[in-house]
Amino acid sequence: MHTPVTLLASAAIGVLSLSFWPAKAPGNLPQLVRLDPAPFSHRLDGDWQRDGGQVNAPIRSVQIPAPVEIMEMPVSTGDWMACVRDGACIAPGGPTDRPELPVTGVSWMDANAYAAWMTKRTGDTWRLPSDVEWAHAAAELFRDDALGVEADPANPAVLWLAEYNAEATRSRNLDREVRPVGSLNVNSLGVRDIGGAVWEWTSTCLRRVDVDGTGAVLREGETCGIYIAEGLHRAAINDFVRDPKSGGCSVGVPPANLGFRLVREAI
């Protein structure tokens, strides 16, 4: 769950960015929601460590660097199969006979192939959202997956128990039903289908950060080849993985399914 400051900031995003409910997009383009830069409190992504043990990433005030338009709903199987028929995408690992479902069984590489196809087809620039763009779009439906405790070097069992309880809760809460696009939920911005059975790829590489006892960063590096997927919790997954249950998740309960939505750079 969000901390109070995060919830308040998410609500502020709704006030600042809800300029319209998206009208029907022209032709067969997806419906879009515009996101304008506005600061909000956000738990940073990445694998944060202190003295060799995992700790919660800090909460910081962040904002997207420029306006973007994000797909109101995830890419559907019907949308994906149009790309397949054009020869720009390959068949997904998930079902192909339900065009109304979000596409599943797609890797980060697959999602970028679809973005390239959309860019070529429309003349606009389409890409995966960053972690911060996705969190902005999720607004009050973004889930803070902090452990709720700080590491205690004198008693590592405290952190182990917190990690165990967090994983058990995620497993219990995991929604395994893939519902038709647009039918799961809608947030204050008009963005739909956040946090169900389908995790969504982002463009953010996994970063690993070592901090000292005061929280000051000692070392930080990125592993681009492993990317953040957002959903019930954050997951770090290899870019070629289509079925997260088969491996590729850095830690914890793996995502149920992998899909995505794109942003269009504002024009």
C-alpha atoms as a PDB file:
ATOM      1  CA  MET A   1       0.000   0.000   0.000  1.00  0.00           C
ATOM      2  CA  HIS A   2       1.078   3.573  -0.508  1.00  0.00           C
ATOM      3  CA  THR A   3       2.348   5.640   2.375  1.00  0.00           C
ATOM      4  CA  PRO A   4       0.093   8.628   3.217  1.00  0.00           C
ATOM      5  CA  VAL A   5       2.464  11.013   1.468  1.00  0.00           C
ATOM      6  CA  THR A   6       2.415   8.850  -1.646  1.00  0.00           C
ATOM      7  CA  LEU A   7      -1.368   8.662  -1.661  1.00  0.00           C
ATOM      8  CA  LEU A   8      -1.641  12.419  -1.247  1.00  0.00           C
ATOM      9  CA  ALA A   9       0.804  12.975  -4.070  1.00  0.00           C
ATOM     10  CA  SER A  10      -1.034  10.519  -6.300  1.00  0.00           C
ATOM     11  CA  ALA A  11      -4.247  12.371  -5.627  1.00  0.00           C
ATOM     12  CA  ALA A  12      -2.474  15.589  -6.560  1.00  0.00           C
ATOM     13  CA  ILE A  13      -1.454  14.011  -9.852  1.00  0.00           C
ATOM     14  CA  GLY A  14      -5.102  13.303 -10.545  1.00  0.00           C
ATOM     15  CA  VAL A  15      -6.010  16.957  -9.942  1.00  0.00           C
ATOM     16  CA  LEU A  16      -3.158  18.306 -12.028  1.00  0.00           C
ATOM     17  CA  SER A  17      -3.247  15.881 -14.942  1.00  0.00           C
ATOM     18  CA  LEU A  18      -6.895  14.938 -15.432  1.00  0.00           C
ATOM     19  CA  SER A  19      -7.434  17.466 -18.192  1.00  0.00           C
ATOM     20  CA  PHE A  20      -9.862  15.260 -20.103  1.00  0.00           C
ATOM     21  CA  TRP A  21     -11.339  11.807 -20.453  1.00  0.00           C
ATOM     22  CA  PRO A  22      -9.821  10.609 -23.718  1.00  0.00           C
ATOM     23  CA  ALA A  23     -12.081  10.898 -26.734  1.00  0.00           C
ATOM     24  CA  LYS A  24     -12.264   8.202 -29.360  1.00  0.00           C
ATOM     25  CA  ALA A  25      -8.919   8.100 -31.106  1.00  0.00           C
ATOM     26  CA  PRO A  26      -8.953   8.678 -34.874  1.00  0.00           C
ATOM     27  CA  GLY A  27      -8.985   5.631 -37.097  1.00  0.00           C
ATOM     28  CA  ASN A  28      -7.771   2.515 -35.330  1.00  0.00           C
ATOM     29  CA  LEU A  29      -5.277   4.250 -33.049  1.00  0.00           C
ATOM     30  CA  PRO A  30      -5.509   3.438 -29.332  1.00  0.00           C
ATOM     31  CA  GLN A  31      -7.200   5.776 -26.900  1.00  0.00           C
ATOM     32  CA  LEU A  32      -4.648   7.877 -25.054  1.00  0.00           C
ATOM     33  CA  VAL A  33      -4.375   9.771 -21.768  1.00  0.00           C
ATOM     34  CA  ARG A  34      -2.067  12.773 -21.624  1.00  0.00           C
ATOM     35  CA  LEU A  35       0.373  12.979 -18.720  1.00  0.00           C
ATOM     36  CA  ASP A  36       1.822  16.400 -17.884  1.00  0.00           C
ATOM     37  CA  PRO A  37       4.868  16.841 -15.635  1.00  0.00           C
ATOM     38  CA  ALA A  38       3.853  17.215 -11.983  1.00  0.00           C
ATOM     39  CA  PRO A  39       5.903  16.217  -8.913  1.00  0.00           C
ATOM     40  CA  PHE A  40       4.823  13.217  -6.858  1.00  0.00           C
ATOM     41  CA  SER A  41       6.318  11.030  -4.152  1.00  0.00           C
ATOM     42  CA  HIS A  42       7.598   7.753  -5.498  1.00  0.00           C
ATOM     43  CA  ARG A  43       9.593   4.833  -4.132  1.00  0.00           C
ATOM     44  CA  LEU A  44      12.559   4.531  -6.444  1.00  0.00           C
ATOM     45  CA  ASP A  45      13.101   1.415  -8.523  1.00  0.00           C
ATOM     46  CA  GLY A  46      16.047  -0.905  -8.195  1.00  0.00           C
ATOM     47  CA  ASP A  47      17.757  -3.429  -5.964  1.00  0.00           C
ATOM     48  CA  TRP A  48      18.947  -1.443  -2.941  1.00  0.00           C
ATOM     49  CA  GLN A  49      21.433  -3.086  -0.567  1.00  0.00           C
ATOM     50  CA  ARG A  50      23.187  -2.225   2.676  1.00  0.00           C
ATOM     51  CA  ASP A  51      25.958  -4.423   4.098  1.00  0.00           C
ATOM     52  CA  GLY A  52      24.972  -7.169   1.673  1.00  0.00           C
ATOM     53  CA  GLY A  53      21.291  -7.208   2.676  1.00  0.00           C
ATOM     54  CA  GLN A  54      18.271  -5.855   0.855  1.00  0.00           C
ATOM     55  CA  VAL A  55      16.713  -2.608   2.092  1.00  0.00           C
ATOM     56  CA  ASN A  56      13.773  -0.540   0.938  1.00  0.00           C
ATOM     57  CA  ALA A  57      14.460   1.964  -1.793  1.00  0.00           C
ATOM     58  CA  PRO A  58      13.945   5.558  -0.642  1.00  0.00           C
ATOM     59  CA  ILE A  59      10.887   7.658  -1.446  1.00  0.00           C
ATOM     60  CA  ARG A  60      11.732  10.735  -3.470  1.00  0.00           C
ATOM     61  CA  SER A  61       9.846  13.524  -5.209  1.00  0.00           C
ATOM     62  CA  VAL A  62      10.015  12.810  -8.948  1.00  0.00           C
ATOM     63  CA  GLN A  63       8.308  13.934 -12.106  1.00  0.00           C
ATOM     64  CA  ILE A  64       8.284  12.948 -15.753  1.00  0.00           C
ATOM     65  CA  PRO A  65      10.602  15.151 -17.823  1.00  0.00           C
ATOM     66  CA  ALA A  66       8.106  16.040 -20.565  1.00  0.00           C
ATOM     67  CA  PRO A  67       4.447  15.497 -21.495  1.00  0.00           C
ATOM     68  CA  VAL A  68       3.568  12.109 -22.968  1.00  0.00           C
ATOM     69  CA  GLU A  69       0.404  10.315 -23.967  1.00  0.00           C
ATOM     70  CA  ILE A  70      -0.024   6.814 -22.597  1.00  0.00           C
ATOM     71  CA  MET A  71      -2.344   4.113 -23.872  1.00  0.00           C
ATOM     72  CA  GLU A  72      -5.495   4.091 -21.794  1.00  0.00           C
ATOM     73  CA  MET A  73      -5.498   0.286 -21.925  1.00  0.00           C
ATOM     74  CA  PRO A  74      -2.824  -2.378 -22.495  1.00  0.00           C
ATOM     75  CA  VAL A  75      -2.145  -3.608 -26.013  1.00  0.00           C
ATOM     76  CA  SER A  76      -4.761  -6.227 -26.838  1.00  0.00           C
ATOM     77  CA  THR A  77      -4.275  -9.569 -28.527  1.00  0.00           C
ATOM     78  CA  GLY A  78      -6.239  -8.242 -31.514  1.00  0.00           C
ATOM     79  CA  ASP A  79      -3.870  -5.264 -31.787  1.00  0.00           C
ATOM     80  CA  TRP A  80      -0.864  -7.557 -31.534  1.00  0.00           C
ATOM     81  CA  MET A  81      -2.092  -9.929 -34.214  1.00  0.00           C
ATOM     82  CA  ALA A  82      -2.388  -7.002 -36.647  1.00  0.00           C
ATOM     83  CA  CYS A  83       1.355  -6.513 -36.150  1.00  0.00           C
ATOM     84  CA  VAL A  84       1.869 -10.254 -36.718  1.00  0.00           C
ATOM     85  CA  ARG A  85      -0.081 -10.105 -39.974  1.00  0.00           C
ATOM     86  CA  ASP A  86       2.139  -7.233 -41.084  1.00  0.00           C
ATOM     87  CA  GLY A  87       5.203  -9.388 -40.465  1.00  0.00           C
ATOM     88  CA  ALA A  88       6.625  -7.016 -37.833  1.00  0.00           C
ATOM     89  CA  CYS A  89       5.808  -9.156 -34.767  1.00  0.00           C
ATOM     90  CA  ILE A  90       5.865 -12.846 -33.977  1.00  0.00           C
ATOM     91  CA  ALA A  91       3.008 -14.828 -32.441  1.00  0.00           C
ATOM     92  CA  PRO A  92       2.764 -14.245 -28.674  1.00  0.00           C
ATOM     93  CA  GLY A  93       3.309 -16.948 -26.108  1.00  0.00           C
ATOM     94  CA  GLY A  94      -0.203 -16.392 -24.738  1.00  0.00           C
ATOM     95  CA  PRO A  95      -3.601 -17.131 -26.318  1.00  0.00           C
ATOM     96  CA  THR A  96      -4.279 -15.770 -29.805  1.00  0.00           C
ATOM     97  CA  ASP A  97      -7.995 -16.641 -30.141  1.00  0.00           C
ATOM     98  CA  ARG A  98      -9.342 -13.950 -27.786  1.00  0.00           C
ATOM     99  CA  PRO A  99      -8.721 -10.550 -29.451  1.00  0.00           C
ATOM    100  CA  GLU A 100     -10.372  -8.697 -26.568  1.00  0.00           C
ATOM    101  CA  LEU A 101      -7.821  -9.897 -24.004  1.00  0.00           C
ATOM    102  CA  PRO A 102      -4.564  -8.076 -23.303  1.00  0.00           C
ATOM    103  CA  VAL A 103      -1.736  -9.712 -25.185  1.00  0.00           C
ATOM    104  CA  THR A 104       0.399 -11.926 -22.938  1.00  0.00           C
ATOM    105  CA  GLY A 105       3.505 -13.982 -23.449  1.00  0.00           C
ATOM    106  CA  VAL A 106       5.546 -11.139 -24.914  1.00  0.00           C
ATOM    107  CA  SER A 107       9.122 -10.246 -24.043  1.00  0.00           C
ATOM    108  CA  TRP A 108      10.649  -6.808 -23.689  1.00  0.00           C
ATOM    109  CA  MET A 109      12.161  -7.336 -27.137  1.00  0.00           C
ATOM    110  CA  ASP A 110       8.732  -8.232 -28.533  1.00  0.00           C
ATOM    111  CA  ALA A 111       7.185  -5.093 -27.021  1.00  0.00           C
ATOM    112  CA  ASN A 112       9.858  -2.930 -28.615  1.00  0.00           C
ATOM    113  CA  ALA A 113       9.216  -4.558 -31.992  1.00  0.00           C
ATOM    114  CA  TYR A 114       5.559  -3.570 -31.638  1.00  0.00           C
ATOM    115  CA  ALA A 115       6.569  -0.015 -30.706  1.00  0.00           C
ATOM    116  CA  ALA A 116       8.761   0.193 -33.825  1.00  0.00           C
ATOM    117  CA  TRP A 117       5.833  -1.061 -35.940  1.00  0.00           C
ATOM    118  CA  MET A 118       3.503   1.556 -34.429  1.00  0.00           C
ATOM    119  CA  THR A 119       6.097   4.275 -35.041  1.00  0.00           C
ATOM    120  CA  LYS A 120       6.483   3.276 -38.694  1.00  0.00           C
ATOM    121  CA  ARG A 121       2.730   2.935 -39.217  1.00  0.00           C
ATOM    122  CA  THR A 122       1.713   6.262 -37.665  1.00  0.00           C
ATOM    123  CA  GLY A 123       4.749   8.510 -38.078  1.00  0.00           C
ATOM    124  CA  ASP A 124       4.672   9.278 -34.339  1.00  0.00           C
ATOM    125  CA  THR A 125       7.217   8.109 -31.766  1.00  0.00           C
ATOM    126  CA  TRP A 126       5.965   5.196 -29.668  1.00  0.00           C
ATOM    127  CA  ARG A 127       7.953   3.506 -26.906  1.00  0.00           C
ATOM    128  CA  LEU A 128       7.660   1.728 -23.583  1.00  0.00           C
ATOM    129  CA  PRO A 129       7.076   4.008 -20.574  1.00  0.00           C
ATOM    130  CA  SER A 130       9.786   4.495 -17.991  1.00  0.00           C
ATOM    131  CA  ASP A 131       9.205   3.354 -14.416  1.00  0.00           C
ATOM    132  CA  VAL A 132       8.355   6.940 -13.393  1.00  0.00           C
ATOM    133  CA  GLU A 133       6.012   7.468 -16.361  1.00  0.00           C
ATOM    134  CA  TRP A 134       4.217   4.210 -15.563  1.00  0.00           C
ATOM    135  CA  ALA A 135       3.909   5.143 -11.879  1.00  0.00           C
ATOM    136  CA  HIS A 136       2.541   8.578 -12.825  1.00  0.00           C
ATOM    137  CA  ALA A 137      -0.047   6.923 -15.075  1.00  0.00           C
ATOM    138  CA  ALA A 138      -0.968   4.370 -12.374  1.00  0.00           C
ATOM    139  CA  ALA A 139      -1.581   7.229  -9.880  1.00  0.00           C
ATOM    140  CA  GLU A 140      -3.466   5.949  -6.802  1.00  0.00           C
ATOM    141  CA  LEU A 141      -3.425   2.360  -8.147  1.00  0.00           C
ATOM    142  CA  PHE A 142       0.380   2.164  -7.986  1.00  0.00           C
ATOM    143  CA  ARG A 143       1.360  -0.379  -5.339  1.00  0.00           C
ATOM    144  CA  ASP A 144       4.231   0.370  -3.003  1.00  0.00           C
ATOM    145  CA  ASP A 145       5.952  -2.956  -2.410  1.00  0.00           C
ATOM    146  CA  ALA A 146       8.164  -1.823   0.462  1.00  0.00           C
ATOM    147  CA  LEU A 147       8.843  -4.451   3.120  1.00  0.00           C
ATOM    148  CA  GLY A 148       7.665  -2.164   5.907  1.00  0.00           C
ATOM    149  CA  VAL A 149      10.753  -2.667   8.072  1.00  0.00           C
ATOM    150  CA  GLU A 150      14.357  -1.549   7.993  1.00  0.00           C
ATOM    151  CA  ALA A 151      17.235  -4.005   8.005  1.00  0.00           C
ATOM    152  CA  ASP A 152      18.686  -4.672  11.446  1.00  0.00           C
ATOM    153  CA  PRO A 153      22.334  -5.794  11.152  1.00  0.00           C
ATOM    154  CA  ALA A 154      22.130  -7.230  14.675  1.00  0.00           C
ATOM    155  CA  ASN A 155      19.082  -9.340  13.828  1.00  0.00           C
ATOM    156  CA  PRO A 156      18.803 -10.279  10.127  1.00  0.00           C
ATOM    157  CA  ALA A 157      15.828 -12.509  10.930  1.00  0.00           C
ATOM    158  CA  VAL A 158      13.659  -9.364  11.151  1.00  0.00           C
ATOM    159  CA  LEU A 159      14.228  -8.659   7.452  1.00  0.00           C
ATOM    160  CA  TRP A 160      13.901 -12.323   6.482  1.00  0.00           C
ATOM    161  CA  LEU A 161      10.506 -12.540   8.180  1.00  0.00           C
ATOM    162  CA  ALA A 162       9.362  -9.313   6.519  1.00  0.00           C
ATOM    163  CA  GLU A 163      10.432 -10.646   3.109  1.00  0.00           C
ATOM    164  CA  TYR A 164       8.634 -13.945   3.760  1.00  0.00           C
ATOM    165  CA  ASN A 165       5.439 -12.186   4.828  1.00  0.00           C
ATOM    166  CA  ALA A 166       5.564  -9.868   1.807  1.00  0.00           C
ATOM    167  CA  GLU A 167       5.991 -12.790  -0.609  1.00  0.00           C
ATOM    168  CA  ALA A 168       3.189 -14.745   1.073  1.00  0.00           C
ATOM    169  CA  THR A 169       0.868 -11.742   0.776  1.00  0.00           C
ATOM    170  CA  ARG A 170       1.739 -11.258  -2.892  1.00  0.00           C
ATOM    171  CA  SER A 171       1.054 -14.917  -3.620  1.00  0.00           C
ATOM    172  CA  ARG A 172      -2.351 -14.742  -1.886  1.00  0.00           C
ATOM    173  CA  ASN A 173      -3.300 -11.511  -3.643  1.00  0.00           C
ATOM    174  CA  LEU A 174      -2.167 -12.612  -7.099  1.00  0.00           C
ATOM    175  CA  ASP A 175      -5.032 -12.198  -9.559  1.00  0.00           C
ATOM    176  CA  ARG A 176      -4.645 -14.983 -12.093  1.00  0.00           C
ATOM    177  CA  GLU A 177      -7.637 -14.134 -14.302  1.00  0.00           C
ATOM    178  CA  VAL A 178      -6.778 -12.248 -17.484  1.00  0.00           C
ATOM    179  CA  ARG A 179      -9.775 -10.011 -18.170  1.00  0.00           C
ATOM    180  CA  PRO A 180     -10.749  -8.196 -21.397  1.00  0.00           C
ATOM    181  CA  VAL A 181      -8.986  -4.872 -21.846  1.00  0.00           C
ATOM    182  CA  GLY A 182     -10.797  -2.011 -20.180  1.00  0.00           C
ATOM    183  CA  SER A 183     -12.774  -4.176 -17.751  1.00  0.00           C
ATOM    184  CA  LEU A 184     -10.511  -4.439 -14.689  1.00  0.00           C
ATOM    185  CA  ASN A 185     -10.449  -0.929 -13.195  1.00  0.00           C
ATOM    186  CA  VAL A 186     -10.029   2.762 -13.980  1.00  0.00           C
ATOM    187  CA  ASN A 187      -8.083   5.346 -11.982  1.00  0.00           C
ATOM    188  CA  SER A 188      -8.429   9.072 -11.453  1.00  0.00           C
ATOM    189  CA  LEU A 189      -6.609   9.818 -14.706  1.00  0.00           C
ATOM    190  CA  GLY A 190      -8.773   7.543 -16.827  1.00  0.00           C
ATOM    191  CA  VAL A 191      -6.031   4.896 -17.161  1.00  0.00           C
ATOM    192  CA  ARG A 192      -7.423   1.354 -17.059  1.00  0.00           C
ATOM    193  CA  ASP A 193      -6.326  -2.140 -16.102  1.00  0.00           C
ATOM    194  CA  ILE A 194      -3.581  -1.393 -13.581  1.00  0.00           C
ATOM    195  CA  GLY A 195      -2.274  -4.139 -11.315  1.00  0.00           C
ATOM    196  CA  GLY A 196      -4.254  -7.201 -12.381  1.00  0.00           C
ATOM    197  CA  ALA A 197      -2.997 -10.496 -13.776  1.00  0.00           C
ATOM    198  CA  VAL A 198      -0.812  -8.829 -16.410  1.00  0.00           C
ATOM    199  CA  TRP A 199       2.448  -7.097 -15.530  1.00  0.00           C
ATOM    200  CA  GLU A 200       3.635  -4.423 -17.962  1.00  0.00           C
ATOM    201  CA  TRP A 201       7.117  -3.898 -19.335  1.00  0.00           C
ATOM    202  CA  THR A 202       8.891  -0.567 -18.857  1.00  0.00           C
ATOM    203  CA  SER A 203      12.010   0.892 -20.465  1.00  0.00           C
ATOM    204  CA  THR A 204      13.810   1.142 -17.104  1.00  0.00           C
ATOM    205  CA  CYS A 205      16.914  -1.011 -16.667  1.00  0.00           C
ATOM    206  CA  LEU A 206      17.493  -2.759 -13.364  1.00  0.00           C
ATOM    207  CA  ARG A 207      19.779  -0.696 -11.170  1.00  0.00           C
ATOM    208  CA  ARG A 208      21.689  -1.992  -8.184  1.00  0.00           C
ATOM    209  CA  VAL A 209      22.510   0.468  -5.437  1.00  0.00           C
ATOM    210  CA  ASP A 210      24.702   0.011  -2.356  1.00  0.00           C
ATOM    211  CA  VAL A 211      24.137   2.461   0.494  1.00  0.00           C
ATOM    212  CA  ASP A 212      25.790   3.045   3.839  1.00  0.00           C
ATOM    213  CA  GLY A 213      24.164   3.215   7.263  1.00  0.00           C
ATOM    214  CA  THR A 214      22.968   6.775   6.641  1.00  0.00           C
ATOM    215  CA  GLY A 215      21.404   5.930   3.271  1.00  0.00           C
ATOM    216  CA  ALA A 216      24.133   7.666   1.259  1.00  0.00           C
ATOM    217  CA  VAL A 217      24.836   5.955  -2.080  1.00  0.00           C
ATOM    218  CA  LEU A 218      28.197   4.181  -2.187  1.00  0.00           C
ATOM    219  CA  ARG A 219      27.888   2.487  -5.586  1.00  0.00           C
ATOM    220  CA  GLU A 220      25.248   2.422  -8.300  1.00  0.00           C
ATOM    221  CA  GLY A 221      25.076   0.624 -11.635  1.00  0.00           C
ATOM    222  CA  GLU A 222      22.576  -0.407 -14.287  1.00  0.00           C
ATOM    223  CA  THR A 223      22.042  -3.792 -15.909  1.00  0.00           C
ATOM    224  CA  CYS A 224      20.380  -3.148 -19.269  1.00  0.00           C
ATOM    225  CA  GLY A 225      19.296  -6.590 -20.346  1.00  0.00           C
ATOM    226  CA  ILE A 226      17.123  -6.849 -17.242  1.00  0.00           C
ATOM    227  CA  TYR A 227      14.131  -4.499 -17.163  1.00  0.00           C
ATOM    228  CA  ILE A 228      11.472  -3.463 -14.680  1.00  0.00           C
ATOM    229  CA  ALA A 229       7.949  -4.813 -15.159  1.00  0.00           C
ATOM    230  CA  GLU A 230       5.174  -3.172 -13.169  1.00  0.00           C
ATOM    231  CA  GLY A 231       2.072  -4.738 -11.663  1.00  0.00           C
ATOM    232  CA  LEU A 232       1.058  -6.089  -8.274  1.00  0.00           C
ATOM    233  CA  HIS A 233       4.711  -5.534  -7.388  1.00  0.00           C
ATOM    234  CA  ARG A 234       7.826  -4.584  -9.299  1.00  0.00           C
ATOM    235  CA  ALA A 235       9.704  -7.385 -11.002  1.00  0.00           C
ATOM    236  CA  ALA A 236      13.106  -7.384 -12.696  1.00  0.00           C
ATOM    237  CA  ILE A 237      13.062  -9.657 -15.729  1.00  0.00           C
ATOM    238  CA  ASN A 238      15.451 -10.560 -18.538  1.00  0.00           C
ATOM    239  CA  ASP A 239      14.542  -8.864 -21.806  1.00  0.00           C
ATOM    240  CA  PHE A 240      14.032 -12.138 -23.713  1.00  0.00           C
ATOM    241  CA  VAL A 241      11.643 -13.757 -21.194  1.00  0.00           C
ATOM    242  CA  ARG A 242       8.050 -14.261 -22.365  1.00  0.00           C
ATOM    243  CA  ASP A 243       6.829 -16.586 -19.598  1.00  0.00           C
ATOM    244  CA  PRO A 244       7.958 -15.157 -16.235  1.00  0.00           C
ATOM    245  CA  LYS A 245       6.971 -18.346 -14.422  1.00  0.00           C
ATOM    246  CA  SER A 246       9.791 -20.136 -16.273  1.00  0.00           C
ATOM    247  CA  GLY A 247      12.461 -17.918 -14.744  1.00  0.00           C
ATOM    248  CA  GLY A 248      14.099 -14.552 -15.230  1.00  0.00           C
ATOM    249  CA  CYS A 249      12.673 -12.775 -12.190  1.00  0.00           C
ATOM    250  CA  SER A 250      15.337 -11.414  -9.877  1.00  0.00           C
ATOM    251  CA  VAL A 251      13.594 -12.194  -6.582  1.00  0.00           C
ATOM    252  CA  GLY A 252      10.202 -13.043  -5.161  1.00  0.00           C
ATOM    253  CA  VAL A 253       6.891 -14.177  -6.590  1.00  0.00           C
ATOM    254  CA  PRO A 254       7.120 -14.034 -10.397  1.00  0.00           C
ATOM    255  CA  PRO A 255       4.560 -12.086 -12.428  1.00  0.00           C
ATOM    256  CA  ALA A 256       1.609 -14.110 -13.681  1.00  0.00           C
ATOM    257  CA  ASN A 257       1.778 -12.762 -17.251  1.00  0.00           C
ATOM    258  CA  LEU A 258       3.771 -10.225 -19.248  1.00  0.00           C
ATOM    259  CA  GLY A 259       2.129  -7.588 -21.446  1.00  0.00           C
ATOM    260  CA  PHE A 260       2.588  -3.873 -22.034  1.00  0.00           C
ATOM    261  CA  ARG A 261       1.215  -0.515 -23.053  1.00  0.00           C
ATOM    262  CA  LEU A 262       3.065   2.222 -24.894  1.00  0.00           C
ATOM    263  CA  VAL A 263       3.508   5.948 -24.594  1.00  0.00           C
ATOM    264  CA  ARG A 264       3.452   8.312 -27.538  1.00  0.00           C
ATOM    265  CA  GLU A 265       5.714  11.284 -27.227  1.00  0.00           C
ATOM    266  CA  ALA A 266       3.441  14.323 -27.104  1.00  0.00           C
ATOM    267  CA  ILE A 267       2.975  16.200 -30.356  1.00  0.00           C
END
